[in-house]
Amino acid sequence: MNSYFLAYLGGIVGAVLMDVTESLAARAGLTSGVSVALVGRWALGLLRGQWAHADITRSPARPGEERAGMAFHFLVGGGGVALLYAVWLQLTGWTLPAHRLWGGVAFGAATSLLPWLVLLPAFGWGWFGRRAPKGSNALLASMVSHLPYGLGVGAVMALGSGL
Protein backbone atom coordinates (compact mmCIF):
# COMPACT_ATOMS: atom_id res chain seq x y z
CA MET A 1 0.00 0.00 0.00
CA ASN A 2 1.21 3.56 -0.69
CA SER A 3 3.33 4.91 2.19
CA TYR A 4 1.89 8.42 1.88
CA PHE A 5 -1.67 7.14 2.08
CA LEU A 6 -0.75 5.02 5.11
CA ALA A 7 0.98 7.96 6.77
CA TYR A 8 -2.01 10.23 6.22
CA LEU A 9 -4.40 7.59 7.55
CA GLY A 10 -2.04 6.96 10.46
CA GLY A 11 -2.03 10.66 11.22
CA ILE A 12 -5.80 10.69 11.52
CA VAL A 13 -5.69 7.59 13.76
CA GLY A 14 -2.94 9.29 15.76
CA ALA A 15 -5.04 12.45 16.12
CA VAL A 16 -7.86 10.34 17.61
CA LEU A 17 -5.39 8.73 20.05
CA MET A 18 -4.09 12.21 20.87
CA ASP A 19 -7.61 13.41 21.70
CA VAL A 20 -8.27 10.41 23.94
CA THR A 21 -4.96 10.97 25.73
CA GLU A 22 -5.66 14.69 26.17
CA SER A 23 -9.07 13.89 27.70
CA LEU A 24 -7.52 11.44 30.16
CA ALA A 25 -4.69 13.84 31.00
CA ALA A 26 -7.18 16.67 31.61
CA ARG A 27 -9.05 14.45 34.10
CA ALA A 28 -5.73 14.00 35.89
CA GLY A 29 -5.18 17.79 35.89
CA LEU A 30 -2.72 18.05 32.99
CA THR A 31 -3.80 20.43 30.24
CA SER A 32 -2.05 22.54 27.61
CA GLY A 33 -4.74 25.23 27.65
CA VAL A 34 -5.34 24.64 23.94
CA SER A 35 -8.91 23.86 22.87
CA VAL A 36 -10.33 22.88 19.50
CA ALA A 37 -12.13 26.26 19.37
CA LEU A 38 -8.83 28.12 19.81
CA VAL A 39 -7.20 26.03 17.09
CA GLY A 40 -10.13 26.91 14.85
CA ARG A 41 -9.86 30.59 15.71
CA TRP A 42 -6.18 30.47 14.77
CA ALA A 43 -6.81 28.50 11.55
CA LEU A 44 -9.56 30.90 10.48
CA GLY A 45 -7.18 33.76 11.25
CA LEU A 46 -4.58 32.18 8.97
CA LEU A 47 -7.09 32.29 6.12
CA ARG A 48 -7.41 36.05 6.72
CA GLY A 49 -3.63 36.52 6.86
CA GLN A 50 -3.34 36.74 10.65
CA TRP A 51 -0.49 34.49 11.77
CA ALA A 52 -0.20 35.50 15.44
CA HIS A 53 -2.33 36.88 18.26
CA ALA A 54 -1.33 38.91 21.30
CA ASP A 55 -3.44 36.44 23.32
CA ILE A 56 -5.78 34.24 21.33
CA THR A 57 -8.19 33.90 24.25
CA ARG A 58 -8.87 37.65 23.95
CA SER A 59 -9.33 37.57 20.17
CA PRO A 60 -12.97 37.63 19.09
CA ALA A 61 -14.64 34.27 18.60
CA ARG A 62 -15.33 33.38 14.96
CA PRO A 63 -18.39 31.62 13.59
CA GLY A 64 -17.60 27.94 12.95
CA GLU A 65 -14.31 28.01 14.83
CA GLU A 66 -14.93 24.68 16.54
CA ARG A 67 -15.62 22.91 13.22
CA ALA A 68 -12.62 24.64 11.66
CA GLY A 69 -10.49 23.54 14.61
CA MET A 70 -11.54 19.91 14.23
CA ALA A 71 -10.91 19.98 10.48
CA PHE A 72 -7.50 21.57 10.96
CA HIS A 73 -6.58 19.17 13.77
CA PHE A 74 -7.42 16.02 11.81
CA LEU A 75 -6.66 16.96 8.20
CA VAL A 76 -3.63 19.22 8.59
CA GLY A 77 -2.25 18.55 12.07
CA GLY A 78 -2.98 14.83 11.99
CA GLY A 79 -2.81 13.58 8.43
CA GLY A 80 -0.78 16.36 6.84
CA VAL A 81 2.03 16.36 9.40
CA ALA A 82 2.26 12.56 9.20
CA LEU A 83 3.29 12.87 5.55
CA LEU A 84 6.63 14.10 6.90
CA TYR A 85 7.08 10.69 8.50
CA ALA A 86 6.58 8.97 5.14
CA VAL A 87 9.20 11.28 3.66
CA TRP A 88 11.56 10.43 6.54
CA LEU A 89 11.07 6.69 5.99
CA GLN A 90 11.76 7.08 2.30
CA LEU A 91 14.93 9.10 2.92
CA THR A 92 16.29 6.68 5.53
CA GLY A 93 15.27 3.50 3.71
CA TRP A 94 13.61 2.08 6.82
CA THR A 95 11.48 -0.76 5.56
CA LEU A 96 11.01 -3.11 8.51
CA PRO A 97 7.63 -2.86 10.25
CA ALA A 98 9.32 -2.55 13.67
CA HIS A 99 11.31 0.44 12.40
CA ARG A 100 8.07 2.05 11.29
CA LEU A 101 6.30 1.44 14.61
CA TRP A 102 9.02 2.63 16.98
CA GLY A 103 10.12 5.31 14.56
CA GLY A 104 6.53 6.55 14.68
CA VAL A 105 6.73 6.98 18.45
CA ALA A 106 9.97 8.94 18.04
CA PHE A 107 8.30 10.97 15.28
CA GLY A 108 5.42 11.75 17.65
CA ALA A 109 7.88 13.03 20.25
CA ALA A 110 9.53 15.20 17.60
CA THR A 111 6.17 16.67 16.58
CA SER A 112 5.93 18.22 20.05
CA LEU A 113 8.17 20.90 18.56
CA LEU A 114 5.23 22.12 16.44
CA PRO A 115 3.09 23.38 19.32
CA TRP A 116 6.13 24.49 21.33
CA LEU A 117 7.68 26.56 18.53
CA VAL A 118 4.77 27.40 16.21
CA LEU A 119 1.26 27.07 17.67
CA LEU A 120 1.81 28.35 21.22
CA PRO A 121 3.86 31.40 20.15
CA ALA A 122 1.22 32.16 17.50
CA PHE A 123 -1.42 32.02 20.26
CA GLY A 124 0.58 34.72 22.06
CA TRP A 125 1.70 32.30 24.75
CA GLY A 126 5.43 32.39 24.00
CA TRP A 127 7.94 29.67 23.20
CA PHE A 128 7.01 26.37 24.86
CA GLY A 129 3.80 28.00 26.13
CA ARG A 130 5.49 29.76 29.01
CA ARG A 131 2.67 32.37 29.08
CA ALA A 132 -0.14 29.83 28.63
CA PRO A 133 -3.27 30.21 30.75
CA LYS A 134 -2.84 29.74 34.48
CA GLY A 135 -3.11 26.12 35.55
CA SER A 136 -1.94 24.69 32.24
CA ASN A 137 1.34 22.98 31.47
CA ALA A 138 1.71 23.28 27.71
CA LEU A 139 5.25 21.89 27.68
CA LEU A 140 4.43 18.57 29.35
CA ALA A 141 0.90 18.22 27.98
CA SER A 142 2.13 18.56 24.39
CA MET A 143 4.69 15.78 24.82
CA VAL A 144 2.19 13.51 26.56
CA SER A 145 -0.37 13.92 23.75
CA HIS A 146 2.08 13.69 20.85
CA LEU A 147 3.51 10.29 21.84
CA PRO A 148 0.22 8.45 21.15
CA TYR A 149 -0.11 10.48 17.95
CA GLY A 150 3.21 9.02 16.80
CA LEU A 151 2.15 5.56 17.96
CA GLY A 152 -0.93 5.83 15.73
CA VAL A 153 1.15 6.92 12.73
CA GLY A 154 3.73 4.20 13.33
CA ALA A 155 1.18 1.45 13.95
CA VAL A 156 -0.73 2.14 10.73
CA MET A 157 2.54 2.34 8.78
CA ALA A 158 3.76 -0.93 10.31
CA LEU A 159 0.48 -2.76 9.77
CA GLY A 160 0.26 -1.48 6.22
CA SER A 161 3.76 -2.75 5.48
CA GLY A 162 2.98 -6.24 6.74
CA LEU A 163 3.66 -6.47 10.47
C-alpha atoms as a PDB file:
ATOM      1  CA  MET A   1       0.000   0.000   0.000  1.00  0.00           C
ATOM      2  CA  ASN A   2       1.215   3.559  -0.695  1.00  0.00           C
ATOM      3  CA  SER A   3       3.330   4.907   2.191  1.00  0.00           C
ATOM      4  CA  TYR A   4       1.893   8.419   1.882  1.00  0.00           C
ATOM      5  CA  PHE A   5      -1.674   7.141   2.082  1.00  0.00           C
ATOM      6  CA  LEU A   6      -0.746   5.018   5.110  1.00  0.00           C
ATOM      7  CA  ALA A   7       0.979   7.965   6.769  1.00  0.00           C
ATOM      8  CA  TYR A   8      -2.014  10.231   6.222  1.00  0.00           C
ATOM      9  CA  LEU A   9      -4.403   7.592   7.550  1.00  0.00           C
ATOM     10  CA  GLY A  10      -2.045   6.958  10.464  1.00  0.00           C
ATOM     11  CA  GLY A  11      -2.029  10.663  11.225  1.00  0.00           C
ATOM     12  CA  ILE A  12      -5.797  10.691  11.519  1.00  0.00           C
ATOM     13  CA  VAL A  13      -5.689   7.595  13.757  1.00  0.00           C
ATOM     14  CA  GLY A  14      -2.936   9.289  15.756  1.00  0.00           C
ATOM     15  CA  ALA A  15      -5.041  12.452  16.123  1.00  0.00           C
ATOM     16  CA  VAL A  16      -7.856  10.343  17.612  1.00  0.00           C
ATOM     17  CA  LEU A  17      -5.389   8.731  20.051  1.00  0.00           C
ATOM     18  CA  MET A  18      -4.090  12.210  20.874  1.00  0.00           C
ATOM     19  CA  ASP A  19      -7.607  13.408  21.699  1.00  0.00           C
ATOM     20  CA  VAL A  20      -8.274  10.406  23.942  1.00  0.00           C
ATOM     21  CA  THR A  21      -4.964  10.970  25.731  1.00  0.00           C
ATOM     22  CA  GLU A  22      -5.662  14.685  26.173  1.00  0.00           C
ATOM     23  CA  SER A  23      -9.068  13.889  27.703  1.00  0.00           C
ATOM     24  CA  LEU A  24      -7.520  11.441  30.157  1.00  0.00           C
ATOM     25  CA  ALA A  25      -4.693  13.838  30.996  1.00  0.00           C
ATOM     26  CA  ALA A  26      -7.183  16.669  31.615  1.00  0.00           C
ATOM     27  CA  ARG A  27      -9.048  14.451  34.096  1.00  0.00           C
ATOM     28  CA  ALA A  28      -5.728  14.001  35.891  1.00  0.00           C
ATOM     29  CA  GLY A  29      -5.182  17.786  35.891  1.00  0.00           C
ATOM     30  CA  LEU A  30      -2.724  18.051  32.990  1.00  0.00           C
ATOM     31  CA  THR A  31      -3.795  20.432  30.238  1.00  0.00           C
ATOM     32  CA  SER A  32      -2.054  22.539  27.613  1.00  0.00           C
ATOM     33  CA  GLY A  33      -4.735  25.233  27.654  1.00  0.00           C
ATOM     34  CA  VAL A  34      -5.340  24.635  23.938  1.00  0.00           C
ATOM     35  CA  SER A  35      -8.911  23.862  22.870  1.00  0.00           C
ATOM     36  CA  VAL A  36     -10.332  22.885  19.502  1.00  0.00           C
ATOM     37  CA  ALA A  37     -12.130  26.256  19.366  1.00  0.00           C
ATOM     38  CA  LEU A  38      -8.826  28.119  19.814  1.00  0.00           C
ATOM     39  CA  VAL A  39      -7.201  26.028  17.091  1.00  0.00           C
ATOM     40  CA  GLY A  40     -10.131  26.911  14.845  1.00  0.00           C
ATOM     41  CA  ARG A  41      -9.860  30.595  15.715  1.00  0.00           C
ATOM     42  CA  TRP A  42      -6.178  30.468  14.775  1.00  0.00           C
ATOM     43  CA  ALA A  43      -6.811  28.502  11.551  1.00  0.00           C
ATOM     44  CA  LEU A  44      -9.557  30.902  10.484  1.00  0.00           C
ATOM     45  CA  GLY A  45      -7.183  33.761  11.249  1.00  0.00           C
ATOM     46  CA  LEU A  46      -4.580  32.178   8.969  1.00  0.00           C
ATOM     47  CA  LEU A  47      -7.093  32.288   6.121  1.00  0.00           C
ATOM     48  CA  ARG A  48      -7.409  36.047   6.724  1.00  0.00           C
ATOM     49  CA  GLY A  49      -3.630  36.523   6.860  1.00  0.00           C
ATOM     50  CA  GLN A  50      -3.338  36.744  10.651  1.00  0.00           C
ATOM     51  CA  TRP A  51      -0.489  34.490  11.768  1.00  0.00           C
ATOM     52  CA  ALA A  52      -0.201  35.497  15.436  1.00  0.00           C
ATOM     53  CA  HIS A  53      -2.333  36.876  18.257  1.00  0.00           C
ATOM     54  CA  ALA A  54      -1.326  38.908  21.298  1.00  0.00           C
ATOM     55  CA  ASP A  55      -3.440  36.440  23.321  1.00  0.00           C
ATOM     56  CA  ILE A  56      -5.785  34.239  21.328  1.00  0.00           C
ATOM     57  CA  THR A  57      -8.186  33.898  24.253  1.00  0.00           C
ATOM     58  CA  ARG A  58      -8.865  37.654  23.950  1.00  0.00           C
ATOM     59  CA  SER A  59      -9.329  37.572  20.170  1.00  0.00           C
ATOM     60  CA  PRO A  60     -12.966  37.633  19.090  1.00  0.00           C
ATOM     61  CA  ALA A  61     -14.639  34.269  18.601  1.00  0.00           C
ATOM     62  CA  ARG A  62     -15.327  33.383  14.963  1.00  0.00           C
ATOM     63  CA  PRO A  63     -18.390  31.617  13.587  1.00  0.00           C
ATOM     64  CA  GLY A  64     -17.598  27.944  12.948  1.00  0.00           C
ATOM     65  CA  GLU A  65     -14.308  28.013  14.829  1.00  0.00           C
ATOM     66  CA  GLU A  66     -14.934  24.685  16.536  1.00  0.00           C
ATOM     67  CA  ARG A  67     -15.623  22.905  13.218  1.00  0.00           C
ATOM     68  CA  ALA A  68     -12.624  24.641  11.659  1.00  0.00           C
ATOM     69  CA  GLY A  69     -10.493  23.539  14.610  1.00  0.00           C
ATOM     70  CA  MET A  70     -11.543  19.905  14.230  1.00  0.00           C
ATOM     71  CA  ALA A  71     -10.911  19.983  10.477  1.00  0.00           C
ATOM     72  CA  PHE A  72      -7.497  21.574  10.964  1.00  0.00           C
ATOM     73  CA  HIS A  73      -6.584  19.168  13.771  1.00  0.00           C
ATOM     74  CA  PHE A  74      -7.418  16.024  11.811  1.00  0.00           C
ATOM     75  CA  LEU A  75      -6.664  16.956   8.202  1.00  0.00           C
ATOM     76  CA  VAL A  76      -3.631  19.216   8.590  1.00  0.00           C
ATOM     77  CA  GLY A  77      -2.248  18.550  12.069  1.00  0.00           C
ATOM     78  CA  GLY A  78      -2.982  14.831  11.991  1.00  0.00           C
ATOM     79  CA  GLY A  79      -2.811  13.578   8.434  1.00  0.00           C
ATOM     80  CA  GLY A  80      -0.781  16.357   6.842  1.00  0.00           C
ATOM     81  CA  VAL A  81       2.028  16.362   9.396  1.00  0.00           C
ATOM     82  CA  ALA A  82       2.260  12.556   9.203  1.00  0.00           C
ATOM     83  CA  LEU A  83       3.289  12.875   5.553  1.00  0.00           C
ATOM     84  CA  LEU A  84       6.629  14.101   6.896  1.00  0.00           C
ATOM     85  CA  TYR A  85       7.082  10.692   8.496  1.00  0.00           C
ATOM     86  CA  ALA A  86       6.577   8.968   5.140  1.00  0.00           C
ATOM     87  CA  VAL A  87       9.204  11.279   3.664  1.00  0.00           C
ATOM     88  CA  TRP A  88      11.563  10.427   6.540  1.00  0.00           C
ATOM     89  CA  LEU A  89      11.068   6.690   5.992  1.00  0.00           C
ATOM     90  CA  GLN A  90      11.759   7.078   2.295  1.00  0.00           C
ATOM     91  CA  LEU A  91      14.932   9.099   2.915  1.00  0.00           C
ATOM     92  CA  THR A  92      16.286   6.676   5.528  1.00  0.00           C
ATOM     93  CA  GLY A  93      15.266   3.502   3.712  1.00  0.00           C
ATOM     94  CA  TRP A  94      13.614   2.083   6.821  1.00  0.00           C
ATOM     95  CA  THR A  95      11.475  -0.764   5.561  1.00  0.00           C
ATOM     96  CA  LEU A  96      11.010  -3.114   8.506  1.00  0.00           C
ATOM     97  CA  PRO A  97       7.632  -2.864  10.253  1.00  0.00           C
ATOM     98  CA  ALA A  98       9.315  -2.548  13.666  1.00  0.00           C
ATOM     99  CA  HIS A  99      11.309   0.439  12.400  1.00  0.00           C
ATOM    100  CA  ARG A 100       8.068   2.055  11.294  1.00  0.00           C
ATOM    101  CA  LEU A 101       6.302   1.439  14.610  1.00  0.00           C
ATOM    102  CA  TRP A 102       9.025   2.634  16.985  1.00  0.00           C
ATOM    103  CA  GLY A 103      10.124   5.314  14.561  1.00  0.00           C
ATOM    104  CA  GLY A 104       6.531   6.551  14.684  1.00  0.00           C
ATOM    105  CA  VAL A 105       6.729   6.984  18.448  1.00  0.00           C
ATOM    106  CA  ALA A 106       9.972   8.941  18.043  1.00  0.00           C
ATOM    107  CA  PHE A 107       8.303  10.973  15.283  1.00  0.00           C
ATOM    108  CA  GLY A 108       5.417  11.746  17.645  1.00  0.00           C
ATOM    109  CA  ALA A 109       7.880  13.028  20.253  1.00  0.00           C
ATOM    110  CA  ALA A 110       9.533  15.204  17.596  1.00  0.00           C
ATOM    111  CA  THR A 111       6.168  16.674  16.578  1.00  0.00           C
ATOM    112  CA  SER A 112       5.935  18.222  20.047  1.00  0.00           C
ATOM    113  CA  LEU A 113       8.168  20.901  18.559  1.00  0.00           C
ATOM    114  CA  LEU A 114       5.232  22.116  16.442  1.00  0.00           C
ATOM    115  CA  PRO A 115       3.091  23.384  19.316  1.00  0.00           C
ATOM    116  CA  TRP A 116       6.131  24.485  21.328  1.00  0.00           C
ATOM    117  CA  LEU A 117       7.676  26.560  18.529  1.00  0.00           C
ATOM    118  CA  VAL A 118       4.767  27.403  16.211  1.00  0.00           C
ATOM    119  CA  LEU A 119       1.259  27.073  17.672  1.00  0.00           C
ATOM    120  CA  LEU A 120       1.808  28.348  21.223  1.00  0.00           C
ATOM    121  CA  PRO A 121       3.857  31.396  20.155  1.00  0.00           C
ATOM    122  CA  ALA A 122       1.217  32.158  17.498  1.00  0.00           C
ATOM    123  CA  PHE A 123      -1.419  32.021  20.257  1.00  0.00           C
ATOM    124  CA  GLY A 124       0.578  34.716  22.056  1.00  0.00           C
ATOM    125  CA  TRP A 125       1.697  32.304  24.751  1.00  0.00           C
ATOM    126  CA  GLY A 126       5.428  32.387  23.995  1.00  0.00           C
ATOM    127  CA  TRP A 127       7.945  29.674  23.199  1.00  0.00           C
ATOM    128  CA  PHE A 128       7.012  26.372  24.861  1.00  0.00           C
ATOM    129  CA  GLY A 129       3.805  28.002  26.134  1.00  0.00           C
ATOM    130  CA  ARG A 130       5.493  29.765  29.014  1.00  0.00           C
ATOM    131  CA  ARG A 131       2.671  32.367  29.078  1.00  0.00           C
ATOM    132  CA  ALA A 132      -0.139  29.829  28.627  1.00  0.00           C
ATOM    133  CA  PRO A 133      -3.267  30.212  30.754  1.00  0.00           C
ATOM    134  CA  LYS A 134      -2.836  29.745  34.485  1.00  0.00           C
ATOM    135  CA  GLY A 135      -3.110  26.123  35.549  1.00  0.00           C
ATOM    136  CA  SER A 136      -1.942  24.691  32.242  1.00  0.00           C
ATOM    137  CA  ASN A 137       1.343  22.976  31.467  1.00  0.00           C
ATOM    138  CA  ALA A 138       1.709  23.278  27.708  1.00  0.00           C
ATOM    139  CA  LEU A 139       5.245  21.893  27.680  1.00  0.00           C
ATOM    140  CA  LEU A 140       4.433  18.569  29.349  1.00  0.00           C
ATOM    141  CA  ALA A 141       0.897  18.220  27.976  1.00  0.00           C
ATOM    142  CA  SER A 142       2.128  18.559  24.386  1.00  0.00           C
ATOM    143  CA  MET A 143       4.688  15.782  24.819  1.00  0.00           C
ATOM    144  CA  VAL A 144       2.186  13.507  26.555  1.00  0.00           C
ATOM    145  CA  SER A 145      -0.367  13.921  23.753  1.00  0.00           C
ATOM    146  CA  HIS A 146       2.078  13.688  20.854  1.00  0.00           C
ATOM    147  CA  LEU A 147       3.511  10.285  21.844  1.00  0.00           C
ATOM    148  CA  PRO A 148       0.222   8.445  21.152  1.00  0.00           C
ATOM    149  CA  TYR A 149      -0.109  10.476  17.945  1.00  0.00           C
ATOM    150  CA  GLY A 150       3.212   9.021  16.796  1.00  0.00           C
ATOM    151  CA  LEU A 151       2.148   5.563  17.959  1.00  0.00           C
ATOM    152  CA  GLY A 152      -0.928   5.827  15.726  1.00  0.00           C
ATOM    153  CA  VAL A 153       1.145   6.923  12.735  1.00  0.00           C
ATOM    154  CA  GLY A 154       3.734   4.202  13.328  1.00  0.00           C
ATOM    155  CA  ALA A 155       1.185   1.447  13.946  1.00  0.00           C
ATOM    156  CA  VAL A 156      -0.726   2.138  10.730  1.00  0.00           C
ATOM    157  CA  MET A 157       2.541   2.345   8.779  1.00  0.00           C
ATOM    158  CA  ALA A 158       3.763  -0.929  10.311  1.00  0.00           C
ATOM    159  CA  LEU A 159       0.478  -2.764   9.769  1.00  0.00           C
ATOM    160  CA  GLY A 160       0.259  -1.484   6.219  1.00  0.00           C
ATOM    161  CA  SER A 161       3.756  -2.746   5.482  1.00  0.00           C
ATOM    162  CA  GLY A 162       2.981  -6.240   6.740  1.00  0.00           C
ATOM    163  CA  LEU A 163       3.656  -6.471  10.470  1.00  0.00           C
END
